[in-house]
């Protein structure tokens, strides 16, 4: 309760002004913790988002329970906000890509190690490579360690994402046009190097959670 109250205080809000909440969690041990915190704060309407939440999404598998809450929220947000076929690229702890139709059909997803996780692992395992601050690369071929790493980490991920996007568009050519949206903490850096991403929507997940609350 202290954490929740402190959070709202920073926003100049009173907890009493909040009557509902939506939780999108892919860390099971924390899901119950947040639910308890909201309950103790007096919030009565709490939605634990999952693939079973009635959001107008349809899934190609009989049991979509493995689809993460973050993917569900992003798919719902993209469908509601853009109302067209979308590929959503989320650059978080893991990098995820998903294709959702304008009719709410969830075609599937790609999950890969996140940019920061991959970079940190590289620095941990390669004794001669020191940790660097991630920023936009200035050259394709580096002539020093930092520039070489920036090109490989940032451009490398952008090229990989572009390759997936092109292949997804090729395999689902019947869905033309497909809008490509990027979200997540490091999306700005990746998008600067991407030829396929159309738009950055840093608040896509929050938009989805807000609209889920509005439906309740």
N, C-alpha and C. Protein backbone atom coordinates (compact mmCIF):
# COMPACT_ATOMS: atom_id res chain seq x y z
N UNK A 1 0.81 -1.19 0.00
CA UNK A 1 0.00 0.00 0.00
C UNK A 1 0.85 1.25 0.00
N UNK A 2 1.97 1.22 0.70
CA UNK A 2 2.85 2.39 0.76
C UNK A 2 3.37 2.74 -0.62
N UNK A 3 3.76 1.71 -1.40
CA UNK A 3 4.30 1.94 -2.74
C UNK A 3 3.23 2.55 -3.64
N UNK A 4 2.02 1.99 -3.58
CA UNK A 4 0.92 2.50 -4.40
C UNK A 4 0.62 3.95 -4.05
N UNK A 5 0.51 4.24 -2.75
CA UNK A 5 0.21 5.60 -2.32
C UNK A 5 1.31 6.57 -2.75
N UNK A 6 2.56 6.14 -2.65
CA UNK A 6 3.68 6.98 -3.07
C UNK A 6 3.62 7.25 -4.56
N UNK A 7 3.26 6.22 -5.34
CA UNK A 7 3.15 6.37 -6.79
C UNK A 7 2.11 7.42 -7.15
N UNK A 8 0.93 7.31 -6.55
CA UNK A 8 -0.13 8.26 -6.85
C UNK A 8 0.21 9.66 -6.35
N UNK A 9 0.92 9.73 -5.24
CA UNK A 9 1.33 11.02 -4.70
C UNK A 9 2.24 11.75 -5.68
N UNK A 10 3.12 11.01 -6.34
CA UNK A 10 4.02 11.61 -7.33
C UNK A 10 3.25 12.15 -8.53
N UNK A 11 2.06 11.61 -8.76
CA UNK A 11 1.21 12.06 -9.87
C UNK A 11 0.20 13.10 -9.41
N UNK A 12 0.32 13.53 -8.14
CA UNK A 12 -0.63 14.48 -7.55
C UNK A 12 -2.06 13.95 -7.60
N UNK A 13 -2.20 12.66 -7.36
CA UNK A 13 -3.51 12.02 -7.31
C UNK A 13 -3.73 11.41 -5.94
N UNK A 14 -4.99 11.33 -5.56
CA UNK A 14 -5.36 10.64 -4.33
C UNK A 14 -5.81 9.24 -4.68
N UNK A 15 -5.43 8.26 -3.88
CA UNK A 15 -5.81 6.88 -4.15
C UNK A 15 -7.33 6.73 -4.21
N UNK A 16 -8.05 7.60 -3.49
CA UNK A 16 -9.50 7.53 -3.46
C UNK A 16 -10.12 7.89 -4.82
N UNK A 17 -9.34 8.54 -5.68
CA UNK A 17 -9.83 8.91 -7.00
C UNK A 17 -9.83 7.71 -7.95
N UNK A 18 -9.15 6.64 -7.58
CA UNK A 18 -9.01 5.48 -8.45
C UNK A 18 -10.03 4.42 -8.06
N UNK A 19 -10.85 4.01 -9.03
CA UNK A 19 -11.87 3.00 -8.71
C UNK A 19 -11.66 1.69 -9.47
N UNK A 20 -10.65 1.64 -10.35
CA UNK A 20 -10.41 0.41 -11.09
C UNK A 20 -8.96 0.33 -11.54
N UNK A 21 -8.50 -0.88 -11.80
CA UNK A 21 -7.11 -1.08 -12.23
C UNK A 21 -7.04 -2.30 -13.13
N UNK A 22 -6.07 -2.31 -14.02
CA UNK A 22 -5.80 -3.47 -14.87
C UNK A 22 -4.34 -3.85 -14.69
N UNK A 23 -4.09 -5.13 -14.52
CA UNK A 23 -2.74 -5.64 -14.29
C UNK A 23 -2.32 -6.52 -15.45
N UNK A 24 -1.20 -6.16 -16.07
CA UNK A 24 -0.60 -6.99 -17.12
C UNK A 24 0.75 -7.45 -16.59
N UNK A 25 0.83 -8.69 -16.16
CA UNK A 25 2.05 -9.19 -15.53
C UNK A 25 2.46 -10.51 -16.16
N UNK A 26 3.76 -10.63 -16.45
CA UNK A 26 4.31 -11.90 -16.94
C UNK A 26 5.28 -12.47 -15.91
N UNK A 27 5.20 -11.97 -14.69
CA UNK A 27 5.98 -12.49 -13.56
C UNK A 27 4.98 -13.00 -12.53
N UNK A 28 4.63 -14.30 -12.59
CA UNK A 28 3.56 -14.83 -11.74
C UNK A 28 3.71 -14.50 -10.26
N UNK A 29 4.93 -14.52 -9.75
CA UNK A 29 5.12 -14.29 -8.32
C UNK A 29 4.73 -12.86 -7.93
N UNK A 30 4.75 -11.95 -8.90
CA UNK A 30 4.41 -10.55 -8.60
C UNK A 30 2.95 -10.22 -8.87
N UNK A 31 2.28 -11.05 -9.66
CA UNK A 31 0.89 -10.76 -10.01
C UNK A 31 0.02 -10.64 -8.77
N UNK A 32 0.12 -11.64 -7.90
CA UNK A 32 -0.66 -11.62 -6.66
C UNK A 32 -0.27 -10.48 -5.74
N UNK A 33 1.02 -10.13 -5.77
CA UNK A 33 1.49 -9.03 -4.93
C UNK A 33 0.82 -7.72 -5.33
N UNK A 34 0.79 -7.46 -6.64
CA UNK A 34 0.16 -6.23 -7.12
C UNK A 34 -1.35 -6.25 -6.87
N UNK A 35 -1.97 -7.40 -7.08
CA UNK A 35 -3.41 -7.49 -6.83
C UNK A 35 -3.72 -7.19 -5.37
N UNK A 36 -2.92 -7.74 -4.47
CA UNK A 36 -3.12 -7.49 -3.04
C UNK A 36 -2.91 -6.02 -2.71
N UNK A 37 -1.88 -5.41 -3.30
CA UNK A 37 -1.61 -4.00 -3.05
C UNK A 37 -2.77 -3.12 -3.49
N UNK A 38 -3.31 -3.41 -4.67
CA UNK A 38 -4.45 -2.62 -5.16
C UNK A 38 -5.67 -2.82 -4.26
N UNK A 39 -5.89 -4.07 -3.85
CA UNK A 39 -7.04 -4.36 -2.99
C UNK A 39 -6.91 -3.62 -1.66
N UNK A 40 -5.72 -3.67 -1.07
CA UNK A 40 -5.50 -2.99 0.21
C UNK A 40 -5.59 -1.48 0.07
N UNK A 41 -5.37 -0.98 -1.15
CA UNK A 41 -5.49 0.46 -1.39
C UNK A 41 -6.93 0.88 -1.62
N UNK A 42 -7.85 -0.11 -1.61
CA UNK A 42 -9.27 0.20 -1.73
C UNK A 42 -9.80 0.19 -3.14
N UNK A 43 -9.02 -0.29 -4.09
CA UNK A 43 -9.49 -0.38 -5.48
C UNK A 43 -10.28 -1.67 -5.64
N UNK A 44 -11.55 -1.55 -6.00
CA UNK A 44 -12.44 -2.71 -6.01
C UNK A 44 -12.44 -3.45 -7.34
N UNK A 45 -12.38 -2.73 -8.45
CA UNK A 45 -12.45 -3.36 -9.76
C UNK A 45 -11.03 -3.57 -10.29
N UNK A 46 -10.58 -4.81 -10.24
CA UNK A 46 -9.22 -5.14 -10.67
C UNK A 46 -9.30 -6.21 -11.76
N UNK A 47 -8.73 -5.92 -12.92
CA UNK A 47 -8.71 -6.88 -14.03
C UNK A 47 -7.31 -7.45 -14.19
N UNK A 48 -7.18 -8.76 -14.06
CA UNK A 48 -5.93 -9.44 -14.35
C UNK A 48 -5.97 -9.87 -15.81
N UNK A 49 -5.26 -9.16 -16.65
CA UNK A 49 -5.36 -9.39 -18.09
C UNK A 49 -4.71 -10.71 -18.48
N UNK A 50 -5.41 -11.46 -19.32
CA UNK A 50 -4.89 -12.70 -19.88
C UNK A 50 -5.55 -12.90 -21.24
N UNK A 51 -5.16 -13.96 -21.92
CA UNK A 51 -5.77 -14.26 -23.21
C UNK A 51 -7.24 -14.61 -23.08
N UNK A 52 -7.68 -14.89 -21.86
CA UNK A 52 -9.08 -15.24 -21.63
C UNK A 52 -9.93 -14.01 -21.32
N UNK A 53 -9.30 -12.85 -21.14
CA UNK A 53 -10.06 -11.62 -20.90
C UNK A 53 -10.84 -11.28 -22.17
N UNK A 54 -12.14 -11.03 -22.07
CA UNK A 54 -12.95 -10.75 -23.27
C UNK A 54 -12.65 -9.38 -23.87
N UNK A 55 -11.74 -9.36 -24.83
CA UNK A 55 -11.31 -8.10 -25.43
C UNK A 55 -11.57 -8.05 -26.93
N UNK A 56 -12.27 -9.05 -27.45
CA UNK A 56 -12.52 -9.08 -28.88
C UNK A 56 -11.37 -9.63 -29.70
N UNK A 57 -10.40 -10.26 -29.03
CA UNK A 57 -9.30 -10.90 -29.74
C UNK A 57 -9.64 -12.36 -30.00
N UNK A 58 -9.15 -12.88 -31.12
CA UNK A 58 -9.33 -14.29 -31.44
C UNK A 58 -7.96 -14.91 -31.67
N UNK A 59 -7.81 -16.16 -31.24
CA UNK A 59 -6.51 -16.83 -31.29
C UNK A 59 -6.60 -18.10 -32.14
N UNK A 60 -5.51 -18.46 -32.83
CA UNK A 60 -5.53 -19.62 -33.71
C UNK A 60 -5.39 -20.95 -32.99
N UNK A 61 -5.12 -20.91 -31.68
CA UNK A 61 -4.95 -22.15 -30.92
C UNK A 61 -6.15 -22.36 -30.00
N UNK A 62 -6.44 -23.63 -29.68
CA UNK A 62 -7.61 -23.94 -28.85
C UNK A 62 -7.45 -23.44 -27.43
N UNK A 63 -6.22 -23.44 -26.92
CA UNK A 63 -5.96 -22.94 -25.58
C UNK A 63 -4.88 -21.87 -25.66
N UNK A 64 -5.28 -20.59 -25.65
CA UNK A 64 -4.31 -19.50 -25.80
C UNK A 64 -3.65 -19.09 -24.49
N UNK A 65 -3.74 -19.94 -23.48
CA UNK A 65 -3.25 -19.57 -22.16
C UNK A 65 -1.78 -19.20 -22.11
N UNK A 66 -0.98 -19.70 -23.07
CA UNK A 66 0.45 -19.42 -23.04
C UNK A 66 0.76 -18.01 -23.54
N UNK A 67 -0.20 -17.35 -24.17
CA UNK A 67 0.04 -16.00 -24.70
C UNK A 67 0.16 -15.03 -23.54
N UNK A 68 1.30 -14.36 -23.43
CA UNK A 68 1.56 -13.48 -22.30
C UNK A 68 0.62 -12.29 -22.24
N UNK A 69 0.38 -11.82 -21.02
CA UNK A 69 -0.51 -10.69 -20.82
C UNK A 69 -0.02 -9.45 -21.56
N UNK A 70 1.30 -9.28 -21.65
CA UNK A 70 1.84 -8.12 -22.36
C UNK A 70 1.49 -8.17 -23.84
N UNK A 71 1.55 -9.37 -24.42
CA UNK A 71 1.19 -9.54 -25.83
C UNK A 71 -0.29 -9.27 -26.04
N UNK A 72 -1.11 -9.73 -25.12
CA UNK A 72 -2.55 -9.52 -25.20
C UNK A 72 -2.87 -8.03 -25.17
N UNK A 73 -2.27 -7.32 -24.22
CA UNK A 73 -2.54 -5.89 -24.08
C UNK A 73 -2.09 -5.13 -25.33
N UNK A 74 -0.91 -5.45 -25.83
CA UNK A 74 -0.41 -4.75 -27.03
C UNK A 74 -1.28 -5.04 -28.25
N UNK A 75 -1.70 -6.29 -28.40
CA UNK A 75 -2.56 -6.64 -29.53
C UNK A 75 -3.89 -5.90 -29.45
N UNK A 76 -4.46 -5.87 -28.26
CA UNK A 76 -5.73 -5.16 -28.06
C UNK A 76 -5.56 -3.67 -28.32
N UNK A 77 -4.49 -3.09 -27.80
CA UNK A 77 -4.25 -1.65 -27.98
C UNK A 77 -4.08 -1.31 -29.46
N UNK A 78 -3.32 -2.12 -30.18
CA UNK A 78 -3.10 -1.87 -31.61
C UNK A 78 -4.40 -1.96 -32.38
N UNK A 79 -5.20 -2.98 -32.09
CA UNK A 79 -6.48 -3.14 -32.77
C UNK A 79 -7.40 -1.96 -32.51
N UNK A 80 -7.50 -1.56 -31.25
CA UNK A 80 -8.42 -0.49 -30.88
C UNK A 80 -7.95 0.87 -31.39
N UNK A 81 -6.67 1.14 -31.28
CA UNK A 81 -6.16 2.47 -31.62
C UNK A 81 -5.99 2.68 -33.11
N UNK A 82 -5.47 1.67 -33.81
CA UNK A 82 -5.12 1.87 -35.22
C UNK A 82 -6.15 1.28 -36.18
N UNK A 83 -6.92 0.32 -35.73
CA UNK A 83 -8.00 -0.27 -36.53
C UNK A 83 -7.53 -0.69 -37.92
N UNK A 84 -6.36 -1.31 -37.94
CA UNK A 84 -5.84 -1.89 -39.17
C UNK A 84 -4.89 -3.02 -38.81
N UNK A 85 -4.50 -3.80 -39.81
CA UNK A 85 -3.57 -4.89 -39.56
C UNK A 85 -2.25 -4.31 -39.05
N UNK A 86 -1.73 -4.89 -37.98
CA UNK A 86 -0.53 -4.32 -37.35
C UNK A 86 0.48 -5.40 -36.96
N UNK A 87 1.75 -5.07 -37.12
CA UNK A 87 2.83 -5.80 -36.48
C UNK A 87 3.30 -4.91 -35.33
N UNK A 88 3.31 -5.47 -34.13
CA UNK A 88 3.75 -4.72 -32.95
C UNK A 88 5.10 -5.27 -32.50
N UNK A 89 6.10 -4.40 -32.45
CA UNK A 89 7.43 -4.76 -31.97
C UNK A 89 7.64 -4.12 -30.60
N UNK A 90 7.82 -4.94 -29.58
CA UNK A 90 7.98 -4.42 -28.22
C UNK A 90 9.39 -4.72 -27.73
N UNK A 91 10.16 -3.66 -27.51
CA UNK A 91 11.56 -3.81 -27.10
C UNK A 91 11.66 -3.68 -25.58
N UNK A 92 11.45 -4.78 -24.89
CA UNK A 92 11.53 -4.80 -23.44
C UNK A 92 12.61 -5.75 -22.98
N UNK A 93 12.38 -6.41 -21.84
CA UNK A 93 13.33 -7.41 -21.35
C UNK A 93 13.55 -8.47 -22.43
N UNK A 94 12.45 -8.88 -23.04
CA UNK A 94 12.49 -9.68 -24.26
C UNK A 94 12.00 -8.79 -25.39
N UNK A 95 12.47 -9.04 -26.59
CA UNK A 95 11.92 -8.36 -27.76
C UNK A 95 10.84 -9.27 -28.34
N UNK A 96 9.65 -8.73 -28.50
CA UNK A 96 8.55 -9.52 -29.05
C UNK A 96 8.00 -8.84 -30.30
N UNK A 97 7.52 -9.67 -31.21
CA UNK A 97 6.84 -9.19 -32.40
C UNK A 97 5.57 -10.00 -32.55
N UNK A 98 4.50 -9.34 -32.90
CA UNK A 98 3.24 -10.05 -33.08
C UNK A 98 2.46 -9.43 -34.23
N UNK A 99 1.69 -10.26 -34.88
CA UNK A 99 0.82 -9.81 -35.96
C UNK A 99 -0.62 -9.94 -35.51
N UNK A 100 -1.34 -8.83 -35.54
CA UNK A 100 -2.75 -8.84 -35.16
C UNK A 100 -3.55 -8.19 -36.28
N UNK A 101 -4.62 -8.86 -36.69
CA UNK A 101 -5.46 -8.34 -37.76
C UNK A 101 -6.38 -7.25 -37.27
N UNK A 102 -6.87 -6.45 -38.19
CA UNK A 102 -7.78 -5.37 -37.80
C UNK A 102 -9.09 -5.92 -37.24
N UNK A 103 -9.35 -7.21 -37.50
CA UNK A 103 -10.54 -7.86 -36.95
C UNK A 103 -10.28 -8.48 -35.58
N UNK A 104 -9.05 -8.30 -35.06
CA UNK A 104 -8.73 -8.83 -33.74
C UNK A 104 -8.14 -10.22 -33.75
N UNK A 105 -7.83 -10.76 -34.93
CA UNK A 105 -7.24 -12.10 -34.98
C UNK A 105 -5.75 -12.01 -34.66
N UNK A 106 -5.32 -12.79 -33.68
CA UNK A 106 -3.93 -12.82 -33.24
C UNK A 106 -3.22 -13.94 -34.00
N UNK A 107 -2.43 -13.58 -35.01
CA UNK A 107 -1.82 -14.58 -35.88
C UNK A 107 -0.66 -15.32 -35.23
N UNK A 108 0.04 -14.67 -34.33
CA UNK A 108 1.16 -15.32 -33.68
C UNK A 108 2.22 -14.31 -33.29
N UNK A 109 3.27 -14.82 -32.69
CA UNK A 109 4.29 -13.93 -32.14
C UNK A 109 5.69 -14.52 -32.29
N UNK A 110 6.67 -13.66 -32.20
CA UNK A 110 8.09 -14.04 -32.16
C UNK A 110 8.65 -13.49 -30.86
N UNK A 111 9.40 -14.30 -30.13
CA UNK A 111 10.03 -13.86 -28.88
C UNK A 111 11.53 -14.11 -28.99
N UNK A 112 12.30 -13.09 -28.69
CA UNK A 112 13.76 -13.22 -28.76
C UNK A 112 14.39 -12.46 -27.59
N UNK A 113 15.66 -12.73 -27.28
CA UNK A 113 16.30 -12.00 -26.18
C UNK A 113 16.26 -10.50 -26.42
N UNK A 114 15.98 -9.75 -25.37
CA UNK A 114 15.92 -8.30 -25.49
C UNK A 114 17.28 -7.68 -25.78
N UNK A 115 17.26 -6.47 -26.29
CA UNK A 115 18.50 -5.77 -26.65
C UNK A 115 19.41 -5.62 -25.43
N UNK A 116 18.85 -5.15 -24.32
CA UNK A 116 19.67 -4.91 -23.13
C UNK A 116 20.18 -6.22 -22.53
N UNK A 117 19.31 -7.24 -22.50
CA UNK A 117 19.72 -8.55 -21.97
C UNK A 117 20.88 -9.12 -22.78
N UNK A 118 20.75 -9.05 -24.10
CA UNK A 118 21.80 -9.59 -24.97
C UNK A 118 23.12 -8.85 -24.78
N UNK A 119 23.03 -7.51 -24.71
CA UNK A 119 24.24 -6.72 -24.55
C UNK A 119 24.91 -7.00 -23.21
N UNK A 120 24.11 -7.06 -22.15
CA UNK A 120 24.65 -7.32 -20.82
C UNK A 120 25.33 -8.67 -20.76
N UNK A 121 24.71 -9.67 -21.37
CA UNK A 121 25.29 -11.01 -21.40
C UNK A 121 26.63 -11.02 -22.14
N UNK A 122 26.69 -10.27 -23.23
CA UNK A 122 27.93 -10.18 -23.99
C UNK A 122 29.04 -9.57 -23.14
N UNK A 123 28.73 -8.48 -22.46
CA UNK A 123 29.74 -7.82 -21.63
C UNK A 123 30.19 -8.72 -20.48
N UNK A 124 29.26 -9.51 -19.95
CA UNK A 124 29.59 -10.40 -18.84
C UNK A 124 30.54 -11.52 -19.26
N UNK A 125 30.37 -11.99 -20.50
CA UNK A 125 31.11 -13.17 -20.94
C UNK A 125 32.37 -12.86 -21.74
N UNK A 126 32.47 -11.65 -22.28
CA UNK A 126 33.64 -11.30 -23.09
C UNK A 126 34.54 -10.37 -22.28
N UNK A 127 35.64 -10.90 -21.78
CA UNK A 127 36.49 -10.18 -20.83
C UNK A 127 37.04 -8.87 -21.39
N UNK A 128 37.28 -8.81 -22.69
CA UNK A 128 37.91 -7.63 -23.27
C UNK A 128 36.90 -6.59 -23.75
N UNK A 129 35.61 -6.89 -23.61
CA UNK A 129 34.58 -5.94 -24.02
C UNK A 129 33.98 -5.29 -22.79
N UNK A 130 34.12 -3.97 -22.71
CA UNK A 130 33.60 -3.26 -21.54
C UNK A 130 32.21 -2.72 -21.80
N UNK A 131 31.45 -2.59 -20.74
CA UNK A 131 30.08 -2.08 -20.83
C UNK A 131 30.08 -0.67 -21.42
N UNK A 132 29.11 -0.39 -22.28
CA UNK A 132 29.00 0.94 -22.89
C UNK A 132 27.57 1.43 -22.75
N UNK A 133 27.39 2.73 -22.84
CA UNK A 133 26.05 3.31 -22.89
C UNK A 133 25.52 3.16 -24.30
N UNK A 134 24.30 2.64 -24.41
CA UNK A 134 23.73 2.44 -25.74
C UNK A 134 23.22 3.76 -26.29
N UNK A 135 23.62 4.06 -27.50
CA UNK A 135 23.19 5.27 -28.21
C UNK A 135 23.25 4.98 -29.70
N UNK A 136 22.81 5.94 -30.49
CA UNK A 136 22.77 5.72 -31.93
C UNK A 136 24.17 5.53 -32.49
N UNK A 137 24.39 4.49 -33.29
CA UNK A 137 25.70 4.30 -33.91
C UNK A 137 25.94 5.35 -34.98
N UNK A 138 27.18 5.75 -35.15
CA UNK A 138 27.51 6.78 -36.14
C UNK A 138 28.15 6.20 -37.39
N UNK A 139 28.47 4.93 -37.36
CA UNK A 139 29.12 4.30 -38.51
C UNK A 139 28.70 2.85 -38.60
N UNK A 140 28.76 2.30 -39.80
CA UNK A 140 28.41 0.88 -39.96
C UNK A 140 29.56 0.00 -39.49
N UNK A 141 30.76 0.31 -39.94
CA UNK A 141 31.95 -0.44 -39.54
C UNK A 141 32.74 0.40 -38.54
N UNK A 142 32.80 -0.06 -37.31
CA UNK A 142 33.51 0.68 -36.29
C UNK A 142 35.02 0.55 -36.41
N UNK A 143 35.72 1.60 -36.00
CA UNK A 143 37.19 1.56 -35.97
C UNK A 143 37.70 1.58 -34.53
N UNK A 144 36.78 1.44 -33.59
CA UNK A 144 37.13 1.27 -32.18
C UNK A 144 36.08 0.38 -31.54
N UNK A 145 36.34 -0.08 -30.34
CA UNK A 145 35.44 -1.05 -29.71
C UNK A 145 34.04 -0.50 -29.52
N UNK A 146 33.94 0.75 -29.03
CA UNK A 146 32.61 1.30 -28.76
C UNK A 146 31.78 1.41 -30.02
N UNK A 147 32.32 1.97 -31.10
CA UNK A 147 31.56 2.12 -32.34
C UNK A 147 31.20 0.77 -32.93
N UNK A 148 32.10 -0.19 -32.81
CA UNK A 148 31.83 -1.54 -33.33
C UNK A 148 30.69 -2.19 -32.57
N UNK A 149 30.68 -2.03 -31.24
CA UNK A 149 29.61 -2.59 -30.42
C UNK A 149 28.28 -1.91 -30.71
N UNK A 150 28.29 -0.59 -30.81
CA UNK A 150 27.04 0.14 -31.07
C UNK A 150 26.43 -0.28 -32.40
N UNK A 151 27.26 -0.44 -33.41
CA UNK A 151 26.75 -0.87 -34.71
C UNK A 151 26.17 -2.27 -34.61
N UNK A 152 26.90 -3.16 -33.95
CA UNK A 152 26.43 -4.54 -33.84
C UNK A 152 25.17 -4.67 -33.01
N UNK A 153 25.12 -3.97 -31.88
CA UNK A 153 23.97 -4.11 -30.98
C UNK A 153 22.75 -3.40 -31.53
N UNK A 154 22.89 -2.13 -31.90
CA UNK A 154 21.73 -1.35 -32.34
C UNK A 154 21.35 -1.69 -33.77
N UNK A 155 22.31 -1.56 -34.69
CA UNK A 155 21.99 -1.87 -36.09
C UNK A 155 21.68 -3.36 -36.26
N UNK A 156 22.43 -4.19 -35.56
CA UNK A 156 22.18 -5.63 -35.68
C UNK A 156 20.76 -6.00 -35.31
N UNK A 157 20.25 -5.44 -34.22
CA UNK A 157 18.87 -5.71 -33.83
C UNK A 157 17.88 -5.11 -34.82
N UNK A 158 18.17 -3.92 -35.33
CA UNK A 158 17.28 -3.29 -36.31
C UNK A 158 17.20 -4.12 -37.58
N UNK A 159 18.35 -4.61 -38.06
CA UNK A 159 18.37 -5.43 -39.27
C UNK A 159 17.60 -6.73 -39.05
N UNK A 160 17.76 -7.32 -37.86
CA UNK A 160 17.05 -8.56 -37.55
C UNK A 160 15.54 -8.32 -37.54
N UNK A 161 15.12 -7.23 -36.90
CA UNK A 161 13.71 -6.90 -36.85
C UNK A 161 13.16 -6.66 -38.25
N UNK A 162 13.90 -5.91 -39.06
CA UNK A 162 13.47 -5.64 -40.43
C UNK A 162 13.31 -6.94 -41.22
N UNK A 163 14.22 -7.87 -41.01
CA UNK A 163 14.13 -9.16 -41.70
C UNK A 163 12.87 -9.92 -41.32
N UNK A 164 12.56 -9.94 -40.03
CA UNK A 164 11.33 -10.59 -39.58
C UNK A 164 10.10 -9.90 -40.17
N UNK A 165 10.11 -8.57 -40.16
CA UNK A 165 8.95 -7.82 -40.67
C UNK A 165 8.71 -8.15 -42.13
N UNK A 166 9.77 -8.14 -42.92
CA UNK A 166 9.63 -8.44 -44.35
C UNK A 166 9.08 -9.85 -44.56
N UNK A 167 9.58 -10.80 -43.78
CA UNK A 167 9.13 -12.18 -43.93
C UNK A 167 7.67 -12.33 -43.50
N UNK A 168 7.29 -11.67 -42.41
CA UNK A 168 5.90 -11.72 -41.96
C UNK A 168 4.98 -11.12 -43.03
N UNK A 169 5.38 -9.99 -43.58
CA UNK A 169 4.57 -9.36 -44.63
C UNK A 169 4.46 -10.26 -45.86
N UNK A 170 5.56 -10.94 -46.18
CA UNK A 170 5.57 -11.84 -47.33
C UNK A 170 4.62 -13.02 -47.11
N UNK A 171 4.66 -13.60 -45.91
CA UNK A 171 3.82 -14.76 -45.63
C UNK A 171 2.35 -14.39 -45.42
N UNK A 172 2.08 -13.12 -45.15
CA UNK A 172 0.70 -12.67 -44.93
C UNK A 172 0.38 -11.53 -45.89
N UNK A 173 0.73 -11.73 -47.15
CA UNK A 173 0.52 -10.70 -48.17
C UNK A 173 -0.95 -10.38 -48.37
N UNK A 174 -1.83 -11.28 -47.96
CA UNK A 174 -3.27 -11.04 -48.08
C UNK A 174 -3.77 -9.98 -47.12
N UNK A 175 -2.93 -9.57 -46.17
CA UNK A 175 -3.34 -8.59 -45.17
C UNK A 175 -2.91 -7.16 -45.51
N UNK A 176 -2.38 -6.94 -46.68
CA UNK A 176 -1.92 -5.60 -47.04
C UNK A 176 -3.04 -4.58 -46.88
N UNK A 177 -2.71 -3.38 -46.38
CA UNK A 177 -1.41 -2.97 -45.82
C UNK A 177 -1.27 -3.41 -44.36
N UNK A 178 -0.04 -3.53 -43.90
CA UNK A 178 0.24 -3.86 -42.51
C UNK A 178 1.07 -2.72 -41.91
N UNK A 179 0.56 -2.13 -40.86
CA UNK A 179 1.27 -1.05 -40.17
C UNK A 179 2.20 -1.65 -39.13
N UNK A 180 3.42 -1.13 -39.04
CA UNK A 180 4.41 -1.65 -38.10
C UNK A 180 4.64 -0.61 -36.99
N UNK A 181 4.37 -1.02 -35.77
CA UNK A 181 4.45 -0.13 -34.61
C UNK A 181 5.52 -0.65 -33.67
N UNK A 182 6.31 0.26 -33.12
CA UNK A 182 7.33 -0.10 -32.14
C UNK A 182 7.01 0.54 -30.80
N UNK A 183 7.27 -0.20 -29.73
CA UNK A 183 7.08 0.33 -28.39
C UNK A 183 8.17 -0.26 -27.49
N UNK A 184 8.24 0.22 -26.27
CA UNK A 184 9.26 -0.29 -25.36
C UNK A 184 10.41 0.68 -25.18
N UNK A 185 11.18 0.46 -24.13
CA UNK A 185 12.18 1.41 -23.68
C UNK A 185 13.24 1.81 -24.68
N UNK A 186 13.65 0.90 -25.53
CA UNK A 186 14.77 1.21 -26.43
C UNK A 186 14.31 1.33 -27.88
N UNK A 187 13.00 1.45 -28.08
CA UNK A 187 12.44 1.48 -29.43
C UNK A 187 12.96 2.64 -30.27
N UNK A 188 13.21 3.79 -29.64
CA UNK A 188 13.68 4.96 -30.37
C UNK A 188 15.00 4.67 -31.08
N UNK A 189 15.94 4.05 -30.37
CA UNK A 189 17.25 3.75 -30.95
C UNK A 189 17.14 2.77 -32.11
N UNK A 190 16.32 1.75 -31.93
CA UNK A 190 16.18 0.73 -32.98
C UNK A 190 15.49 1.32 -34.20
N UNK A 191 14.46 2.12 -33.97
CA UNK A 191 13.68 2.66 -35.08
C UNK A 191 14.50 3.59 -35.97
N UNK A 192 15.46 4.27 -35.38
CA UNK A 192 16.32 5.16 -36.17
C UNK A 192 17.11 4.40 -37.22
N UNK A 193 17.31 3.12 -36.99
CA UNK A 193 18.10 2.29 -37.91
C UNK A 193 17.23 1.37 -38.76
N UNK A 194 15.94 1.36 -38.50
CA UNK A 194 15.02 0.44 -39.19
C UNK A 194 14.44 1.06 -40.45
N UNK A 195 14.26 0.24 -41.46
CA UNK A 195 13.62 0.67 -42.70
C UNK A 195 12.16 0.23 -42.76
N UNK A 196 11.72 -0.57 -41.81
CA UNK A 196 10.39 -1.17 -41.89
C UNK A 196 9.41 -0.66 -40.83
N UNK A 197 9.90 -0.12 -39.73
CA UNK A 197 9.02 0.34 -38.66
C UNK A 197 8.39 1.67 -39.07
N UNK A 198 7.07 1.76 -38.95
CA UNK A 198 6.34 2.95 -39.40
C UNK A 198 6.19 4.00 -38.30
N UNK A 199 6.03 3.55 -37.07
CA UNK A 199 5.67 4.50 -36.01
C UNK A 199 6.14 4.00 -34.65
N UNK A 200 6.54 4.93 -33.81
CA UNK A 200 6.86 4.62 -32.42
C UNK A 200 5.68 5.03 -31.55
N UNK A 201 5.22 4.12 -30.73
CA UNK A 201 4.12 4.40 -29.80
C UNK A 201 4.59 3.97 -28.42
N UNK A 202 5.26 4.87 -27.72
CA UNK A 202 5.90 4.51 -26.45
C UNK A 202 4.88 4.10 -25.39
N UNK A 203 3.66 4.58 -25.51
CA UNK A 203 2.64 4.32 -24.49
C UNK A 203 1.60 3.30 -24.94
N UNK A 204 1.94 2.47 -25.92
CA UNK A 204 0.96 1.53 -26.46
C UNK A 204 0.39 0.62 -25.38
N UNK A 205 1.26 0.04 -24.55
CA UNK A 205 0.79 -0.87 -23.50
C UNK A 205 -0.09 -0.15 -22.50
N UNK A 206 0.31 1.05 -22.10
CA UNK A 206 -0.50 1.83 -21.15
C UNK A 206 -1.83 2.22 -21.78
N UNK A 207 -1.83 2.53 -23.07
CA UNK A 207 -3.08 2.82 -23.77
C UNK A 207 -4.01 1.62 -23.71
N UNK A 208 -3.44 0.43 -23.94
CA UNK A 208 -4.24 -0.79 -23.87
C UNK A 208 -4.83 -1.02 -22.50
N UNK A 209 -4.02 -0.86 -21.46
CA UNK A 209 -4.51 -1.05 -20.09
C UNK A 209 -5.59 -0.04 -19.75
N UNK A 210 -5.40 1.20 -20.20
CA UNK A 210 -6.40 2.23 -19.93
C UNK A 210 -7.73 1.89 -20.60
N UNK A 211 -7.67 1.43 -21.83
CA UNK A 211 -8.91 1.09 -22.55
C UNK A 211 -9.58 -0.15 -21.96
N UNK A 212 -8.77 -1.05 -21.43
CA UNK A 212 -9.35 -2.22 -20.76
C UNK A 212 -10.11 -1.77 -19.53
N UNK A 213 -9.52 -0.84 -18.77
CA UNK A 213 -10.22 -0.30 -17.59
C UNK A 213 -11.52 0.39 -17.99
N UNK A 214 -11.49 1.11 -19.10
CA UNK A 214 -12.68 1.84 -19.54
C UNK A 214 -13.81 0.90 -19.93
N UNK A 215 -13.46 -0.33 -20.34
CA UNK A 215 -14.49 -1.30 -20.73
C UNK A 215 -15.19 -1.91 -19.53
N UNK A 216 -14.54 -1.87 -18.38
CA UNK A 216 -15.09 -2.54 -17.20
C UNK A 216 -16.28 -1.77 -16.62
